[in-house]
């Protein structure tokens, strides 16, 4: 048995998880599932210029982005999830910064 876990093939983080006999971390596995789910979603047209919007992953949320005007479309609940995740990340960073300055 190895002392160190193998590295994720996508990001290089050490992990004990595997899919298809390849090491992959939880974050990358979740992102890969989102990409596959996004490929099955219907393509939306931009409400401003009518261009076909492209699917992108941002903070583990599938968003639709217009390649022309760069506008973004979020489905129901995604804005709340995105802002909640960003708030939690900001609080974590501030807490870590404070703990580093405390004697």
PDB file of N, CA and C in Angstrom:
ATOM      1  N   UNK A   1       0.847  -1.184   0.000  1.00  0.00           N
ATOM      2  CA  UNK A   1       0.000   0.000   0.000  1.00  0.00           C
ATOM      3  C   UNK A   1       0.889   1.243   0.000  1.00  0.00           C
ATOM      4  N   UNK A   2       0.569   2.186  -0.845  1.00  0.00           N
ATOM      5  CA  UNK A   2       1.355   3.410  -0.958  1.00  0.00           C
ATOM      6  C   UNK A   2       1.080   4.341   0.218  1.00  0.00           C
ATOM      7  N   UNK A   3       2.102   5.068   0.624  1.00  0.00           N
ATOM      8  CA  UNK A   3       1.962   6.036   1.712  1.00  0.00           C
ATOM      9  C   UNK A   3       1.145   7.229   1.236  1.00  0.00           C
ATOM     10  N   UNK A   4       1.430   7.693   0.022  1.00  0.00           N
ATOM     11  CA  UNK A   4       0.734   8.845  -0.536  1.00  0.00           C
ATOM     12  C   UNK A   4      -0.307   8.382  -1.540  1.00  0.00           C
ATOM     13  N   UNK A   5      -1.442   9.051  -1.530  1.00  0.00           N
ATOM     14  CA  UNK A   5      -2.493   8.729  -2.497  1.00  0.00           C
ATOM     15  C   UNK A   5      -2.059   9.220  -3.874  1.00  0.00           C
ATOM     16  N   UNK A   6      -2.568   8.588  -4.926  1.00  0.00           N
ATOM     17  CA  UNK A   6      -2.249   9.060  -6.274  1.00  0.00           C
ATOM     18  C   UNK A   6      -2.863  10.435  -6.512  1.00  0.00           C
ATOM     19  N   UNK A   7      -2.360  11.121  -7.526  1.00  0.00           N
ATOM     20  CA  UNK A   7      -2.852  12.462  -7.851  1.00  0.00           C
ATOM     21  C   UNK A   7      -3.990  12.371  -8.865  1.00  0.00           C
ATOM     22  N   UNK A   8      -4.949  13.266  -8.697  1.00  0.00           N
ATOM     23  CA  UNK A   8      -6.060  13.385  -9.631  1.00  0.00           C
ATOM     24  C   UNK A   8      -5.506  13.686 -11.020  1.00  0.00           C
ATOM     25  N   UNK A   9      -6.005  12.978 -12.026  1.00  0.00           N
ATOM     26  CA  UNK A   9      -5.531  13.187 -13.394  1.00  0.00           C
ATOM     27  C   UNK A   9      -5.875  14.572 -13.939  1.00  0.00           C
ATOM     28  N   UNK A  10      -6.894  15.243 -13.377  1.00  0.00           N
ATOM     29  CA  UNK A  10      -7.303  16.553 -13.886  1.00  0.00           C
ATOM     30  C   UNK A  10      -6.586  17.704 -13.198  1.00  0.00           C
ATOM     31  N   UNK A  11      -6.513  17.672 -11.838  1.00  0.00           N
ATOM     32  CA  UNK A  11      -5.999  18.840 -11.114  1.00  0.00           C
ATOM     33  C   UNK A  11      -4.714  18.582 -10.330  1.00  0.00           C
ATOM     34  N   UNK A  12      -4.358  17.321 -10.147  1.00  0.00           N
ATOM     35  CA  UNK A  12      -3.125  17.007  -9.431  1.00  0.00           C
ATOM     36  C   UNK A  12      -3.273  16.877  -7.919  1.00  0.00           C
ATOM     37  N   UNK A  13      -4.485  17.086  -7.390  1.00  0.00           N
ATOM     38  CA  UNK A  13      -4.714  16.944  -5.951  1.00  0.00           C
ATOM     39  C   UNK A  13      -4.670  15.459  -5.578  1.00  0.00           C
ATOM     40  N   UNK A  14      -4.108  15.147  -4.447  1.00  0.00           N
ATOM     41  CA  UNK A  14      -4.038  13.749  -4.014  1.00  0.00           C
ATOM     42  C   UNK A  14      -5.426  13.245  -3.643  1.00  0.00           C
ATOM     43  N   UNK A  15      -5.728  12.025  -4.065  1.00  0.00           N
ATOM     44  CA  UNK A  15      -7.049  11.459  -3.832  1.00  0.00           C
ATOM     45  C   UNK A  15      -6.994   9.943  -3.778  1.00  0.00           C
ATOM     46  N   UNK A  16      -7.939   9.360  -3.097  1.00  0.00           N
ATOM     47  CA  UNK A  16      -8.077   7.905  -3.071  1.00  0.00           C
ATOM     48  C   UNK A  16      -9.254   7.472  -3.958  1.00  0.00           C
ATOM     49  N   UNK A  17      -9.981   8.431  -4.512  1.00  0.00           N
ATOM     50  CA  UNK A  17     -11.121   8.128  -5.377  1.00  0.00           C
ATOM     51  C   UNK A  17     -10.650   7.751  -6.773  1.00  0.00           C
ATOM     52  N   UNK A  18     -11.420   6.879  -7.411  1.00  0.00           N
ATOM     53  CA  UNK A  18     -11.125   6.472  -8.785  1.00  0.00           C
ATOM     54  C   UNK A  18     -12.417   6.372  -9.570  1.00  0.00           C
ATOM     55  N   UNK A  19     -12.341   6.689 -10.842  1.00  0.00           N
ATOM     56  CA  UNK A  19     -13.414   6.435 -11.790  1.00  0.00           C
ATOM     57  C   UNK A  19     -12.760   5.887 -13.041  1.00  0.00           C
ATOM     58  N   UNK A  20     -13.294   4.797 -13.547  1.00  0.00           N
ATOM     59  CA  UNK A  20     -12.720   4.127 -14.720  1.00  0.00           C
ATOM     60  C   UNK A  20     -11.238   3.842 -14.517  1.00  0.00           C
ATOM     61  N   UNK A  21     -10.866   3.408 -13.323  1.00  0.00           N
ATOM     62  CA  UNK A  21      -9.512   3.015 -12.933  1.00  0.00           C
ATOM     63  C   UNK A  21      -8.522   4.189 -13.024  1.00  0.00           C
ATOM     64  N   UNK A  22      -9.022   5.421 -12.998  1.00  0.00           N
ATOM     65  CA  UNK A  22      -8.172   6.607 -13.017  1.00  0.00           C
ATOM     66  C   UNK A  22      -8.432   7.416 -11.755  1.00  0.00           C
ATOM     67  N   UNK A  23      -7.375   7.927 -11.098  1.00  0.00           N
ATOM     68  CA  UNK A  23      -7.590   8.746  -9.905  1.00  0.00           C
ATOM     69  C   UNK A  23      -8.251  10.074 -10.268  1.00  0.00           C
ATOM     70  N   UNK A  24      -9.304  10.422  -9.523  1.00  0.00           N
ATOM     71  CA  UNK A  24      -9.994  11.701  -9.743  1.00  0.00           C
ATOM     72  C   UNK A  24     -10.551  12.173  -8.395  1.00  0.00           C
ATOM     73  N   UNK A  25     -10.314  13.432  -8.053  1.00  0.00           N
ATOM     74  CA  UNK A  25     -10.778  13.968  -6.768  1.00  0.00           C
ATOM     75  C   UNK A  25     -12.285  14.246  -6.826  1.00  0.00           C
ATOM     76  N   UNK A  26     -12.888  14.473  -5.663  1.00  0.00           N
ATOM     77  CA  UNK A  26     -14.331  14.715  -5.587  1.00  0.00           C
ATOM     78  C   UNK A  26     -14.751  15.943  -6.401  1.00  0.00           C
ATOM     79  N   UNK A  27     -13.975  17.023  -6.308  1.00  0.00           N
ATOM     80  CA  UNK A  27     -14.314  18.256  -7.030  1.00  0.00           C
ATOM     81  C   UNK A  27     -14.319  18.037  -8.533  1.00  0.00           C
ATOM     82  N   UNK A  28     -13.305  17.375  -9.039  1.00  0.00           N
ATOM     83  CA  UNK A  28     -13.221  17.126 -10.481  1.00  0.00           C
ATOM     84  C   UNK A  28     -14.310  16.161 -10.941  1.00  0.00           C
ATOM     85  N   UNK A  29     -14.621  15.161 -10.119  1.00  0.00           N
ATOM     86  CA  UNK A  29     -15.690  14.218 -10.462  1.00  0.00           C
ATOM     87  C   UNK A  29     -17.024  14.945 -10.534  1.00  0.00           C
ATOM     88  N   UNK A  30     -17.278  15.846  -9.575  1.00  0.00           N
ATOM     89  CA  UNK A  30     -18.517  16.615  -9.579  1.00  0.00           C
ATOM     90  C   UNK A  30     -18.576  17.523 -10.812  1.00  0.00           C
ATOM     91  N   UNK A  31     -17.459  18.165 -11.135  1.00  0.00           N
ATOM     92  CA  UNK A  31     -17.430  19.047 -12.306  1.00  0.00           C
ATOM     93  C   UNK A  31     -17.660  18.254 -13.592  1.00  0.00           C
ATOM     94  N   UNK A  32     -17.084  17.054 -13.680  1.00  0.00           N
ATOM     95  CA  UNK A  32     -17.284  16.219 -14.871  1.00  0.00           C
ATOM     96  C   UNK A  32     -18.765  15.829 -14.999  1.00  0.00           C
ATOM     97  N   UNK A  33     -19.423  15.527 -13.878  1.00  0.00           N
ATOM     98  CA  UNK A  33     -20.853  15.211 -13.932  1.00  0.00           C
ATOM     99  C   UNK A  33     -21.653  16.422 -14.401  1.00  0.00           C
ATOM    100  N   UNK A  34     -21.281  17.623 -13.935  1.00  0.00           N
ATOM    101  CA  UNK A  34     -21.962  18.839 -14.374  1.00  0.00           C
ATOM    102  C   UNK A  34     -21.794  19.058 -15.871  1.00  0.00           C
ATOM    103  N   UNK A  35     -20.589  18.809 -16.380  1.00  0.00           N
ATOM    104  CA  UNK A  35     -20.332  18.977 -17.812  1.00  0.00           C
ATOM    105  C   UNK A  35     -21.208  18.022 -18.620  1.00  0.00           C
ATOM    106  N   UNK A  36     -21.304  16.776 -18.166  1.00  0.00           N
ATOM    107  CA  UNK A  36     -22.149  15.800 -18.869  1.00  0.00           C
ATOM    108  C   UNK A  36     -23.622  16.195 -18.797  1.00  0.00           C
ATOM    109  N   UNK A  37     -24.065  16.670 -17.624  1.00  0.00           N
ATOM    110  CA  UNK A  37     -25.453  17.116 -17.489  1.00  0.00           C
ATOM    111  C   UNK A  37     -25.725  18.328 -18.386  1.00  0.00           C
ATOM    112  N   UNK A  38     -24.777  19.260 -18.456  1.00  0.00           N
ATOM    113  CA  UNK A  38     -24.943  20.466 -19.265  1.00  0.00           C
ATOM    114  C   UNK A  38     -25.066  20.119 -20.747  1.00  0.00           C
ATOM    115  N   UNK A  39     -24.360  19.085 -21.181  1.00  0.00           N
ATOM    116  CA  UNK A  39     -24.409  18.682 -22.586  1.00  0.00           C
ATOM    117  C   UNK A  39     -25.804  18.197 -22.971  1.00  0.00           C
ATOM    118  N   UNK A  40     -26.574  17.716 -21.993  1.00  0.00           N
ATOM    119  CA  UNK A  40     -27.918  17.213 -22.269  1.00  0.00           C
ATOM    120  C   UNK A  40     -28.996  18.291 -22.152  1.00  0.00           C
ATOM    121  N   UNK A  41     -28.648  19.462 -21.602  1.00  0.00           N
ATOM    122  CA  UNK A  41     -29.622  20.538 -21.454  1.00  0.00           C
ATOM    123  C   UNK A  41     -29.910  21.184 -22.809  1.00  0.00           C
ATOM    124  N   UNK A  42     -31.100  21.777 -22.912  1.00  0.00           N
ATOM    125  CA  UNK A  42     -31.458  22.516 -24.124  1.00  0.00           C
ATOM    126  C   UNK A  42     -30.605  23.774 -24.226  1.00  0.00           C
ATOM    127  N   UNK A  43     -30.281  24.153 -25.455  1.00  0.00           N
ATOM    128  CA  UNK A  43     -29.536  25.385 -25.693  1.00  0.00           C
ATOM    129  C   UNK A  43     -30.524  26.549 -25.700  1.00  0.00           C
ATOM    130  N   UNK A  44     -30.181  27.611 -24.989  1.00  0.00           N
ATOM    131  CA  UNK A  44     -31.031  28.800 -24.924  1.00  0.00           C
ATOM    132  C   UNK A  44     -30.525  29.853 -25.894  1.00  0.00           C
ATOM    133  N   UNK A  45     -31.426  30.706 -26.332  1.00  0.00           N
ATOM    134  CA  UNK A  45     -31.053  31.859 -27.154  1.00  0.00           C
ATOM    135  C   UNK A  45     -30.911  33.062 -26.242  1.00  0.00           C
ATOM    136  N   UNK A  46     -29.939  33.904 -26.548  1.00  0.00           N
ATOM    137  CA  UNK A  46     -29.724  35.120 -25.760  1.00  0.00           C
ATOM    138  C   UNK A  46     -30.952  36.025 -25.886  1.00  0.00           C
ATOM    139  N   UNK A  47     -31.492  36.506 -24.762  1.00  0.00           N
ATOM    140  CA  UNK A  47     -32.664  37.380 -24.837  1.00  0.00           C
ATOM    141  C   UNK A  47     -32.349  38.754 -25.436  1.00  0.00           C
ATOM    142  N   UNK A  48     -31.069  39.115 -25.503  1.00  0.00           N
ATOM    143  CA  UNK A  48     -30.702  40.423 -26.065  1.00  0.00           C
ATOM    144  C   UNK A  48     -30.452  40.382 -27.563  1.00  0.00           C
ATOM    145  N   UNK A  49     -29.647  39.408 -28.019  1.00  0.00           N
ATOM    146  CA  UNK A  49     -29.284  39.412 -29.444  1.00  0.00           C
ATOM    147  C   UNK A  49     -29.642  38.128 -30.196  1.00  0.00           C
ATOM    148  N   UNK A  50     -30.245  37.152 -29.506  1.00  0.00           N
ATOM    149  CA  UNK A  50     -30.698  35.935 -30.164  1.00  0.00           C
ATOM    150  C   UNK A  50     -29.634  34.894 -30.454  1.00  0.00           C
ATOM    151  N   UNK A  51     -28.387  35.137 -30.078  1.00  0.00           N
ATOM    152  CA  UNK A  51     -27.309  34.174 -30.301  1.00  0.00           C
ATOM    153  C   UNK A  51     -27.517  32.925 -29.456  1.00  0.00           C
ATOM    154  N   UNK A  52     -27.025  31.786 -29.944  1.00  0.00           N
ATOM    155  CA  UNK A  52     -27.076  30.550 -29.163  1.00  0.00           C
ATOM    156  C   UNK A  52     -26.097  30.678 -28.006  1.00  0.00           C
ATOM    157  N   UNK A  53     -26.598  30.505 -26.790  1.00  0.00           N
ATOM    158  CA  UNK A  53     -25.755  30.645 -25.602  1.00  0.00           C
ATOM    159  C   UNK A  53     -24.961  29.364 -25.375  1.00  0.00           C
ATOM    160  N   UNK A  54     -23.758  29.501 -24.842  1.00  0.00           N
ATOM    161  CA  UNK A  54     -22.867  28.377 -24.561  1.00  0.00           C
ATOM    162  C   UNK A  54     -22.934  28.028 -23.085  1.00  0.00           C
ATOM    163  N   UNK A  55     -22.805  26.731 -22.777  1.00  0.00           N
ATOM    164  CA  UNK A  55     -22.807  26.253 -21.387  1.00  0.00           C
ATOM    165  C   UNK A  55     -21.409  26.389 -20.809  1.00  0.00           C
ATOM    166  N   UNK A  56     -21.322  26.916 -19.576  1.00  0.00           N
ATOM    167  CA  UNK A  56     -20.058  27.024 -18.851  1.00  0.00           C
ATOM    168  C   UNK A  56     -20.282  26.588 -17.406  1.00  0.00           C
ATOM    169  N   UNK A  57     -19.205  26.169 -16.753  1.00  0.00           N
ATOM    170  CA  UNK A  57     -19.251  25.803 -15.337  1.00  0.00           C
ATOM    171  C   UNK A  57     -18.563  26.922 -14.551  1.00  0.00           C
ATOM    172  N   UNK A  58     -19.278  27.479 -13.574  1.00  0.00           N
ATOM    173  CA  UNK A  58     -18.718  28.517 -12.709  1.00  0.00           C
ATOM    174  C   UNK A  58     -19.123  28.200 -11.280  1.00  0.00           C
ATOM    175  N   UNK A  59     -18.163  27.983 -10.405  1.00  0.00           N
ATOM    176  CA  UNK A  59     -18.435  27.653  -9.003  1.00  0.00           C
ATOM    177  C   UNK A  59     -19.413  26.482  -8.903  1.00  0.00           C
ATOM    178  N   UNK A  60     -19.175  25.452  -9.732  1.00  0.00           N
ATOM    179  CA  UNK A  60     -19.976  24.228  -9.756  1.00  0.00           C
ATOM    180  C   UNK A  60     -21.445  24.486 -10.108  1.00  0.00           C
ATOM    181  N   UNK A  61     -21.694  25.514 -10.911  1.00  0.00           N
ATOM    182  CA  UNK A  61     -23.023  25.823 -11.417  1.00  0.00           C
ATOM    183  C   UNK A  61     -22.919  25.907 -12.935  1.00  0.00           C
ATOM    184  N   UNK A  62     -23.875  25.295 -13.637  1.00  0.00           N
ATOM    185  CA  UNK A  62     -23.920  25.408 -15.092  1.00  0.00           C
ATOM    186  C   UNK A  62     -24.618  26.714 -15.433  1.00  0.00           C
ATOM    187  N   UNK A  63     -23.908  27.579 -16.146  1.00  0.00           N
ATOM    188  CA  UNK A  63     -24.499  28.850 -16.571  1.00  0.00           C
ATOM    189  C   UNK A  63     -24.519  28.890 -18.093  1.00  0.00           C
ATOM    190  N   UNK A  64     -25.406  29.723 -18.628  1.00  0.00           N
ATOM    191  CA  UNK A  64     -25.468  29.958 -20.072  1.00  0.00           C
ATOM    192  C   UNK A  64     -24.869  31.331 -20.332  1.00  0.00           C
ATOM    193  N   UNK A  65     -23.873  31.394 -21.226  1.00  0.00           N
ATOM    194  CA  UNK A  65     -23.224  32.672 -21.543  1.00  0.00           C
ATOM    195  C   UNK A  65     -23.320  32.932 -23.036  1.00  0.00           C
ATOM    196  N   UNK A  66     -23.672  34.161 -23.382  1.00  0.00           N
ATOM    197  CA  UNK A  66     -23.767  34.556 -24.786  1.00  0.00           C
ATOM    198  C   UNK A  66     -22.360  34.849 -25.320  1.00  0.00           C
ATOM    199  N   UNK A  67     -21.959  34.220 -26.434  1.00  0.00           N
ATOM    200  CA  UNK A  67     -20.626  34.470 -26.972  1.00  0.00           C
ATOM    201  C   UNK A  67     -20.489  35.858 -27.608  1.00  0.00           C
ATOM    202  N   UNK A  68     -21.628  36.493 -27.925  1.00  0.00           N
ATOM    203  CA  UNK A  68     -21.584  37.813 -28.570  1.00  0.00           C
ATOM    204  C   UNK A  68     -21.530  38.951 -27.554  1.00  0.00           C
ATOM    205  N   UNK A  69     -22.565  39.033 -26.708  1.00  0.00           N
ATOM    206  CA  UNK A  69     -22.651  40.173 -25.772  1.00  0.00           C
ATOM    207  C   UNK A  69     -22.076  39.845 -24.394  1.00  0.00           C
ATOM    208  N   UNK A  70     -21.708  38.572 -24.163  1.00  0.00           N
ATOM    209  CA  UNK A  70     -21.140  38.085 -22.897  1.00  0.00           C
ATOM    210  C   UNK A  70     -22.144  38.103 -21.756  1.00  0.00           C
ATOM    211  N   UNK A  71     -23.437  38.233 -22.065  1.00  0.00           N
ATOM    212  CA  UNK A  71     -24.472  38.169 -21.049  1.00  0.00           C
ATOM    213  C   UNK A  71     -24.560  36.765 -20.462  1.00  0.00           C
ATOM    214  N   UNK A  72     -25.067  36.667 -19.242  1.00  0.00           N
ATOM    215  CA  UNK A  72     -25.153  35.392 -18.533  1.00  0.00           C
ATOM    216  C   UNK A  72     -26.606  35.134 -18.128  1.00  0.00           C
ATOM    217  N   UNK A  73     -27.050  33.886 -18.292  1.00  0.00           N
ATOM    218  CA  UNK A  73     -28.385  33.470 -17.873  1.00  0.00           C
ATOM    219  C   UNK A  73     -28.228  32.425 -16.774  1.00  0.00           C
ATOM    220  N   UNK A  74     -28.904  32.654 -15.655  1.00  0.00           N
ATOM    221  CA  UNK A  74     -28.894  31.701 -14.543  1.00  0.00           C
ATOM    222  C   UNK A  74     -30.288  31.122 -14.383  1.00  0.00           C
ATOM    223  N   UNK A  75     -30.382  29.828 -14.178  1.00  0.00           N
ATOM    224  CA  UNK A  75     -31.657  29.180 -13.919  1.00  0.00           C
ATOM    225  C   UNK A  75     -32.079  29.457 -12.483  1.00  0.00           C
ATOM    226  N   UNK A  76     -33.318  29.134 -12.145  1.00  0.00           N
ATOM    227  CA  UNK A  76     -33.861  29.386 -10.817  1.00  0.00           C
ATOM    228  C   UNK A  76     -32.991  28.831  -9.700  1.00  0.00           C
ATOM    229  N   UNK A  77     -32.719  29.651  -8.715  1.00  0.00           N
ATOM    230  CA  UNK A  77     -31.951  29.232  -7.547  1.00  0.00           C
ATOM    231  C   UNK A  77     -30.444  29.312  -7.705  1.00  0.00           C
ATOM    232  N   UNK A  78     -29.970  29.463  -8.934  1.00  0.00           N
ATOM    233  CA  UNK A  78     -28.513  29.462  -9.147  1.00  0.00           C
ATOM    234  C   UNK A  78     -27.841  30.731  -8.632  1.00  0.00           C
ATOM    235  N   UNK A  79     -28.495  31.871  -8.736  1.00  0.00           N
ATOM    236  CA  UNK A  79     -27.914  33.106  -8.210  1.00  0.00           C
ATOM    237  C   UNK A  79     -27.771  33.021  -6.693  1.00  0.00           C
ATOM    238  N   UNK A  80     -28.784  32.488  -6.014  1.00  0.00           N
ATOM    239  CA  UNK A  80     -28.712  32.326  -4.560  1.00  0.00           C
ATOM    240  C   UNK A  80     -27.577  31.389  -4.169  1.00  0.00           C
ATOM    241  N   UNK A  81     -27.434  30.284  -4.894  1.00  0.00           N
ATOM    242  CA  UNK A  81     -26.355  29.337  -4.608  1.00  0.00           C
ATOM    243  C   UNK A  81     -24.995  29.986  -4.843  1.00  0.00           C
ATOM    244  N   UNK A  82     -24.869  30.713  -5.942  1.00  0.00           N
ATOM    245  CA  UNK A  82     -23.612  31.374  -6.276  1.00  0.00           C
ATOM    246  C   UNK A  82     -23.232  32.415  -5.228  1.00  0.00           C
ATOM    247  N   UNK A  83     -24.161  33.269  -4.835  1.00  0.00           N
ATOM    248  CA  UNK A  83     -23.844  34.297  -3.838  1.00  0.00           C
ATOM    249  C   UNK A  83     -23.592  33.673  -2.472  1.00  0.00           C
ATOM    250  N   UNK A  84     -24.329  32.603  -2.134  1.00  0.00           N
ATOM    251  CA  UNK A  84     -24.089  31.906  -0.866  1.00  0.00           C
ATOM    252  C   UNK A  84     -22.702  31.290  -0.824  1.00  0.00           C
ATOM    253  N   UNK A  85     -22.281  30.665  -1.925  1.00  0.00           N
ATOM    254  CA  UNK A  85     -20.943  30.065  -1.992  1.00  0.00           C
ATOM    255  C   UNK A  85     -19.861  31.135  -1.884  1.00  0.00           C
ATOM    256  N   UNK A  86     -20.064  32.268  -2.550  1.00  0.00           N
ATOM    257  CA  UNK A  86     -19.070  33.346  -2.501  1.00  0.00           C
ATOM    258  C   UNK A  86     -18.981  33.956  -1.106  1.00  0.00           C
ATOM    259  N   UNK A  87     -20.135  34.107  -0.448  1.00  0.00           N
ATOM    260  CA  UNK A  87     -20.128  34.616   0.936  1.00  0.00           C
ATOM    261  C   UNK A  87     -19.368  33.668   1.854  1.00  0.00           C
ATOM    262  N   UNK A  88     -19.654  32.378   1.732  1.00  0.00           N
ATOM    263  CA  UNK A  88     -18.978  31.387   2.575  1.00  0.00           C
ATOM    264  C   UNK A  88     -17.473  31.398   2.324  1.00  0.00           C
ATOM    265  N   UNK A  89     -17.074  31.543   1.061  1.00  0.00           N
ATOM    266  CA  UNK A  89     -15.646  31.591   0.730  1.00  0.00           C
ATOM    267  C   UNK A  89     -14.998  32.844   1.312  1.00  0.00           C
ATOM    268  N   UNK A  90     -15.684  33.983   1.224  1.00  0.00           N
ATOM    269  CA  UNK A  90     -15.149  35.232   1.771  1.00  0.00           C
ATOM    270  C   UNK A  90     -15.003  35.142   3.288  1.00  0.00           C
ATOM    271  N   UNK A  91     -15.980  34.556   3.957  1.00  0.00           N
ATOM    272  CA  UNK A  91     -15.906  34.396   5.417  1.00  0.00           C
ATOM    273  C   UNK A  91     -14.743  33.488   5.781  1.00  0.00           C
ATOM    274  N   UNK A  92     -14.559  32.423   5.027  1.00  0.00           N
ATOM    275  CA  UNK A  92     -13.451  31.500   5.285  1.00  0.00           C
ATOM    276  C   UNK A  92     -12.105  32.201   5.132  1.00  0.00           C
ATOM    277  N   UNK A  93     -11.968  33.010   4.087  1.00  0.00           N
ATOM    278  CA  UNK A  93     -10.711  33.738   3.860  1.00  0.00           C
ATOM    279  C   UNK A  93     -10.462  34.737   4.984  1.00  0.00           C
ATOM    280  N   UNK A  94     -11.507  35.477   5.390  1.00  0.00           N
ATOM    281  CA  UNK A  94     -11.348  36.462   6.459  1.00  0.00           C
ATOM    282  C   UNK A  94     -10.990  35.779   7.776  1.00  0.00           C
ATOM    283  N   UNK A  95     -11.649  34.665   8.073  1.00  0.00           N
ATOM    284  CA  UNK A  95     -11.358  33.930   9.312  1.00  0.00           C
ATOM    285  C   UNK A  95      -9.932  33.417   9.311  1.00  0.00           C
ATOM    286  N   UNK A  96      -9.485  32.889   8.178  1.00  0.00           N
ATOM    287  CA  UNK A  96      -8.118  32.388   8.071  1.00  0.00           C
ATOM    288  C   UNK A  96      -7.122  33.530   8.240  1.00  0.00           C
ATOM    289  N   UNK A  97      -7.409  34.680   7.624  1.00  0.00           N
ATOM    290  CA  UNK A  97      -6.513  35.832   7.727  1.00  0.00           C
ATOM    291  C   UNK A  97      -6.405  36.313   9.173  1.00  0.00           C
ATOM    292  N   UNK A  98      -7.540  36.346   9.882  1.00  0.00           N
ATOM    293  CA  UNK A  98      -7.539  36.778  11.278  1.00  0.00           C
ATOM    294  C   UNK A  98      -6.758  35.798  12.156  1.00  0.00           C
ATOM    295  N   UNK A  99      -6.924  34.516  11.901  1.00  0.00           N
ATOM    296  CA  UNK A  99      -6.214  33.533  12.730  1.00  0.00           C
ATOM    297  C   UNK A  99      -4.710  33.589  12.498  1.00  0.00           C
ATOM    298  N   UNK A 100      -4.296  34.044  11.320  1.00  0.00           N
ATOM    299  CA  UNK A 100      -2.861  34.153  11.031  1.00  0.00           C
ATOM    300  C   UNK A 100      -2.252  35.367  11.713  1.00  0.00           C
ATOM    301  N   UNK A 101      -3.066  36.408  12.002  1.00  0.00           N
ATOM    302  CA  UNK A 101      -2.533  37.623  12.630  1.00  0.00           C
ATOM    303  C   UNK A 101      -2.625  37.597  14.141  1.00  0.00           C
ATOM    304  N   UNK A 102      -3.426  36.693  14.695  1.00  0.00           N
ATOM    305  CA  UNK A 102      -3.577  36.615  16.152  1.00  0.00           C
ATOM    306  C   UNK A 102      -2.358  35.935  16.761  1.00  0.00           C
ATOM    307  N   UNK A 103      -1.910  36.468  17.913  1.00  0.00           N
ATOM    308  CA  UNK A 103      -0.748  35.864  18.563  1.00  0.00           C
ATOM    309  C   UNK A 103      -1.069  34.538  19.222  1.00  0.00           C
TER     310      UNK A 103
END
